[in-house]
C-alpha cells in the first residue's frame, strides 16, 4: 500500500467526521452521496474495504506518523548535544 501523506489523511478524516455527523443529524440524498464519496476516498487511501477497516488503518497510520516525528525529534536533540 502506498502510504498517504499525513496532511491529506487528516483532511479526509475530518471531512468524513463532518459528513458523517451531518448525515446522522439530517440525512438527505446529498449527505448520503457525500458520505459515500468520502468513505470511498478514505478506503482507497488506506487500502481498505470498509469504513470501519479504513478508520482503524487511519488510526494506525496517524500513530506511525507521531512515532516517526518523535524519533526524528530525539535524533535532532542528540545531534545538537
Protein backbone atom coordinates (compact mmCIF):
# COMPACT_ATOMS: atom_id res chain seq x y z
CA UNK A 1 0.00 0.00 0.00
CA UNK A 2 1.21 3.48 -0.77
CA UNK A 3 1.17 5.45 2.46
CA UNK A 4 -0.84 8.68 2.21
CA UNK A 5 0.66 11.94 3.39
CA UNK A 6 -0.36 12.78 6.93
CA UNK A 7 -1.97 16.09 5.99
CA UNK A 8 -4.15 14.52 3.30
CA UNK A 9 -5.18 11.64 5.56
CA UNK A 10 -6.14 14.04 8.36
CA UNK A 11 -8.09 16.17 5.87
CA UNK A 12 -10.11 13.18 4.66
CA UNK A 13 -10.71 12.01 8.23
CA UNK A 14 -12.01 15.46 9.18
CA UNK A 15 -14.26 15.51 6.12
CA UNK A 16 -15.52 12.01 6.96
CA UNK A 17 -16.40 13.11 10.51
CA UNK A 18 -18.11 16.26 9.26
CA UNK A 19 -20.21 14.45 6.65
CA UNK A 20 -21.00 11.55 8.99
CA UNK A 21 -22.38 13.93 11.62
CA UNK A 22 -24.30 15.93 9.04
CA UNK A 23 -25.81 12.75 7.59
CA UNK A 24 -26.72 11.38 11.04
CA UNK A 25 -28.39 14.64 12.07
CA UNK A 26 -30.21 15.45 8.84
CA UNK A 27 -29.98 12.68 6.23
CA UNK A 28 -30.67 13.68 2.65
CA UNK A 29 -29.69 12.36 -0.75
CA UNK A 30 -26.89 14.92 -0.82
CA UNK A 31 -25.46 13.86 2.54
CA UNK A 32 -25.77 10.21 1.55
CA UNK A 33 -23.77 10.80 -1.65
CA UNK A 34 -21.21 12.91 0.21
CA UNK A 35 -20.78 10.15 2.81
CA UNK A 36 -20.38 7.53 0.08
CA UNK A 37 -17.76 9.67 -1.69
CA UNK A 38 -15.66 10.43 1.37
CA UNK A 39 -15.91 6.82 2.57
CA UNK A 40 -14.68 5.66 -0.83
CA UNK A 41 -11.78 8.12 -0.69
CA UNK A 42 -10.83 7.02 2.82
CA UNK A 43 -10.98 3.35 1.79
CA UNK A 44 -8.77 3.96 -1.25
CA UNK A 45 -6.24 5.96 0.80
CA UNK A 46 -5.95 3.17 3.37
CA UNK A 47 -6.37 0.19 1.01
CA UNK A 48 -9.42 -0.92 2.98
CA UNK A 49 -12.74 -2.45 2.01
CA UNK A 50 -14.99 -0.97 4.71
CA UNK A 51 -15.25 2.32 6.56
CA UNK A 52 -14.53 0.57 9.85
CA UNK A 53 -11.37 -1.03 8.50
CA UNK A 54 -10.32 2.28 6.92
CA UNK A 55 -10.75 4.12 10.23
CA UNK A 56 -8.69 1.51 12.09
CA UNK A 57 -5.96 1.71 9.45
CA UNK A 58 -6.02 5.52 9.56
CA UNK A 59 -5.58 5.42 13.33
CA UNK A 60 -2.56 3.15 12.95
CA UNK A 61 -1.05 5.41 10.29
CA UNK A 62 -1.50 8.51 12.43
CA UNK A 63 0.19 6.70 15.32
CA UNK A 64 3.08 5.82 12.99
CA UNK A 65 3.38 9.47 11.90
CA UNK A 66 3.52 10.54 15.56
CA UNK A 67 6.12 7.92 16.44
CA UNK A 68 8.25 8.90 13.45
CA UNK A 69 8.06 12.59 14.40
CA UNK A 70 9.11 11.79 17.96
CA UNK A 71 12.03 9.69 16.71
CA UNK A 72 13.24 12.47 14.43
CA UNK A 73 12.96 15.00 17.26
CA UNK A 74 15.05 12.77 19.54
CA UNK A 75 17.69 12.37 16.83
CA UNK A 76 17.82 16.12 16.36
CA UNK A 77 18.29 16.62 20.10
CA UNK A 78 21.10 14.06 20.15
CA UNK A 79 22.87 15.71 17.22
CA UNK A 80 22.51 19.14 18.83
CA UNK A 81 24.13 17.94 22.07
